[in-house]
Amino acid sequence: MPASYFPISILQNGIKLTTEPPRGLKANLKRSFLDINDEYLDTCTKREIFHKLTFGLCYFHAII
């Protein structure tokens, strides 16, 4: 969306990049979980709750 406070020349000379989201819920979940490793999941002191929250967030993100 155009904005008066942002120079148009930067938009015209910039690199445009898009990524196609994976198709389907399963593919979306796989893509989200590829970025999460076991070390990250085990850093929290309440592991079981953190795992459930992470899955819920990934699931929510995959649906939207």
N, C-alpha and C. Protein backbone atom coordinates (compact mmCIF):
# COMPACT_ATOMS: atom_id res chain seq x y z
N MET A 1 0.85 -1.16 0.00
CA MET A 1 0.00 0.00 0.00
C MET A 1 0.90 1.24 0.00
N PRO A 2 0.66 2.20 -0.87
CA PRO A 2 1.48 3.41 -0.92
C PRO A 2 1.33 4.24 0.37
N ALA A 3 2.44 4.83 0.77
CA ALA A 3 2.43 5.71 1.94
C ALA A 3 3.23 6.96 1.58
N SER A 4 2.75 8.11 2.01
CA SER A 4 3.41 9.38 1.66
C SER A 4 4.76 9.56 2.34
N TYR A 5 4.99 8.90 3.46
CA TYR A 5 6.23 9.07 4.21
C TYR A 5 7.35 8.13 3.74
N PHE A 6 7.07 7.19 2.81
CA PHE A 6 8.07 6.25 2.34
C PHE A 6 8.42 6.56 0.89
N PRO A 7 9.71 6.73 0.56
CA PRO A 7 10.09 7.10 -0.81
C PRO A 7 9.74 6.01 -1.84
N ILE A 8 9.10 6.40 -2.91
CA ILE A 8 8.69 5.47 -3.96
C ILE A 8 9.90 4.88 -4.69
N SER A 9 10.98 5.64 -4.80
CA SER A 9 12.16 5.15 -5.52
C SER A 9 12.76 3.89 -4.86
N ILE A 10 12.67 3.79 -3.56
CA ILE A 10 13.18 2.60 -2.86
C ILE A 10 12.34 1.38 -3.25
N LEU A 11 11.03 1.56 -3.31
CA LEU A 11 10.16 0.45 -3.72
C LEU A 11 10.41 0.05 -5.16
N GLN A 12 10.65 1.02 -6.03
CA GLN A 12 10.85 0.71 -7.44
C GLN A 12 12.19 0.02 -7.68
N ASN A 13 13.20 0.34 -6.91
CA ASN A 13 14.54 -0.23 -7.11
C ASN A 13 14.80 -1.46 -6.24
N GLY A 14 13.90 -1.78 -5.34
CA GLY A 14 14.11 -2.89 -4.43
C GLY A 14 13.86 -4.23 -5.11
N ILE A 15 14.33 -5.28 -4.47
CA ILE A 15 14.14 -6.64 -4.95
C ILE A 15 12.83 -7.16 -4.38
N LYS A 16 12.01 -7.69 -5.25
CA LYS A 16 10.74 -8.25 -4.82
C LYS A 16 10.89 -9.76 -4.68
N LEU A 17 10.48 -10.30 -3.55
CA LEU A 17 10.64 -11.71 -3.27
C LEU A 17 9.36 -12.23 -2.63
N THR A 18 8.87 -13.34 -3.11
CA THR A 18 7.71 -13.99 -2.50
C THR A 18 8.02 -15.46 -2.32
N THR A 19 7.39 -16.05 -1.34
CA THR A 19 7.52 -17.49 -1.15
C THR A 19 6.12 -18.08 -1.18
N GLU A 20 6.01 -19.20 -1.82
CA GLU A 20 4.73 -19.89 -1.90
C GLU A 20 4.57 -20.76 -0.66
N PRO A 21 3.48 -20.59 0.06
CA PRO A 21 3.27 -21.46 1.22
C PRO A 21 2.95 -22.88 0.77
N PRO A 22 3.30 -23.87 1.58
CA PRO A 22 2.99 -25.24 1.21
C PRO A 22 1.47 -25.46 1.17
N ARG A 23 1.03 -26.39 0.35
CA ARG A 23 -0.38 -26.67 0.22
C ARG A 23 -0.79 -27.72 1.23
N GLY A 24 -1.81 -27.42 1.98
CA GLY A 24 -2.37 -28.39 2.91
C GLY A 24 -1.86 -28.21 4.33
N LEU A 25 -2.65 -28.71 5.25
CA LEU A 25 -2.34 -28.60 6.67
C LEU A 25 -1.09 -29.38 7.05
N LYS A 26 -0.97 -30.61 6.54
CA LYS A 26 0.18 -31.45 6.87
C LYS A 26 1.49 -30.81 6.39
N ALA A 27 1.49 -30.28 5.18
CA ALA A 27 2.69 -29.64 4.63
C ALA A 27 3.04 -28.38 5.43
N ASN A 28 2.04 -27.63 5.84
CA ASN A 28 2.28 -26.43 6.65
C ASN A 28 2.91 -26.80 7.99
N LEU A 29 2.38 -27.84 8.63
CA LEU A 29 2.93 -28.26 9.92
C LEU A 29 4.37 -28.76 9.76
N LYS A 30 4.63 -29.53 8.71
CA LYS A 30 6.00 -30.01 8.49
C LYS A 30 6.97 -28.86 8.30
N ARG A 31 6.55 -27.84 7.55
CA ARG A 31 7.42 -26.69 7.32
C ARG A 31 7.71 -25.95 8.63
N SER A 32 6.69 -25.82 9.48
CA SER A 32 6.90 -25.14 10.77
C SER A 32 7.84 -25.93 11.66
N PHE A 33 7.67 -27.26 11.69
CA PHE A 33 8.49 -28.08 12.59
C PHE A 33 9.92 -28.25 12.10
N LEU A 34 10.19 -28.02 10.83
CA LEU A 34 11.56 -28.11 10.34
C LEU A 34 12.45 -27.02 10.93
N ASP A 35 11.85 -25.89 11.29
CA ASP A 35 12.62 -24.78 11.85
C ASP A 35 12.87 -24.93 13.35
N ILE A 36 12.20 -25.88 13.98
CA ILE A 36 12.31 -26.06 15.44
C ILE A 36 13.16 -27.30 15.70
N ASN A 37 14.20 -27.14 16.52
CA ASN A 37 15.04 -28.29 16.86
C ASN A 37 14.82 -28.70 18.31
N ASP A 38 15.34 -29.87 18.67
CA ASP A 38 15.13 -30.40 20.03
C ASP A 38 15.80 -29.54 21.09
N GLU A 39 16.93 -28.95 20.78
CA GLU A 39 17.60 -28.09 21.76
C GLU A 39 16.71 -26.93 22.17
N TYR A 40 16.04 -26.33 21.19
CA TYR A 40 15.15 -25.20 21.47
C TYR A 40 13.98 -25.66 22.35
N LEU A 41 13.43 -26.82 22.05
CA LEU A 41 12.29 -27.31 22.83
C LEU A 41 12.67 -27.69 24.26
N ASP A 42 13.91 -28.10 24.46
CA ASP A 42 14.34 -28.54 25.79
C ASP A 42 14.91 -27.41 26.65
N THR A 43 14.92 -26.18 26.15
CA THR A 43 15.47 -25.08 26.93
C THR A 43 14.53 -24.62 28.04
N CYS A 44 13.26 -24.90 27.90
CA CYS A 44 12.28 -24.46 28.89
C CYS A 44 12.27 -25.41 30.08
N THR A 45 12.01 -24.89 31.25
CA THR A 45 11.97 -25.74 32.45
C THR A 45 10.69 -26.56 32.52
N LYS A 46 9.60 -26.06 31.92
CA LYS A 46 8.34 -26.79 31.88
C LYS A 46 8.16 -27.34 30.46
N ARG A 47 8.89 -28.41 30.19
CA ARG A 47 8.99 -28.95 28.82
C ARG A 47 7.66 -29.39 28.25
N GLU A 48 6.87 -30.12 29.03
CA GLU A 48 5.61 -30.66 28.50
C GLU A 48 4.65 -29.55 28.08
N ILE A 49 4.53 -28.54 28.91
CA ILE A 49 3.65 -27.40 28.59
C ILE A 49 4.19 -26.64 27.38
N PHE A 50 5.50 -26.46 27.33
CA PHE A 50 6.11 -25.73 26.22
C PHE A 50 5.92 -26.47 24.90
N HIS A 51 6.03 -27.80 24.93
CA HIS A 51 5.82 -28.61 23.72
C HIS A 51 4.39 -28.45 23.22
N LYS A 52 3.43 -28.48 24.14
CA LYS A 52 2.03 -28.35 23.75
C LYS A 52 1.73 -26.95 23.21
N LEU A 53 2.30 -25.94 23.84
CA LEU A 53 2.11 -24.58 23.34
C LEU A 53 2.73 -24.39 21.96
N THR A 54 3.90 -24.96 21.76
CA THR A 54 4.57 -24.85 20.46
C THR A 54 3.75 -25.55 19.38
N PHE A 55 3.22 -26.74 19.69
CA PHE A 55 2.39 -27.43 18.72
C PHE A 55 1.13 -26.63 18.42
N GLY A 56 0.51 -26.08 19.47
CA GLY A 56 -0.70 -25.28 19.26
C GLY A 56 -0.44 -24.06 18.40
N LEU A 57 0.68 -23.41 18.62
CA LEU A 57 1.04 -22.25 17.82
C LEU A 57 1.30 -22.63 16.36
N CYS A 58 2.01 -23.74 16.15
CA CYS A 58 2.28 -24.21 14.78
C CYS A 58 0.98 -24.61 14.09
N TYR A 59 0.09 -25.26 14.81
CA TYR A 59 -1.19 -25.68 14.25
C TYR A 59 -2.04 -24.46 13.87
N PHE A 60 -2.09 -23.49 14.76
CA PHE A 60 -2.82 -22.25 14.49
C PHE A 60 -2.25 -21.54 13.27
N HIS A 61 -0.93 -21.47 13.19
CA HIS A 61 -0.27 -20.83 12.05
C HIS A 61 -0.55 -21.59 10.75
N ALA A 62 -0.61 -22.91 10.81
CA ALA A 62 -0.86 -23.72 9.62
C ALA A 62 -2.30 -23.53 9.11
N ILE A 63 -3.23 -23.35 10.03
CA ILE A 63 -4.62 -23.17 9.62
C ILE A 63 -4.83 -21.80 8.99
N ILE A 64 -4.22 -20.81 9.56
CA ILE A 64 -4.39 -19.45 9.02
C ILE A 64 -3.56 -19.31 7.79
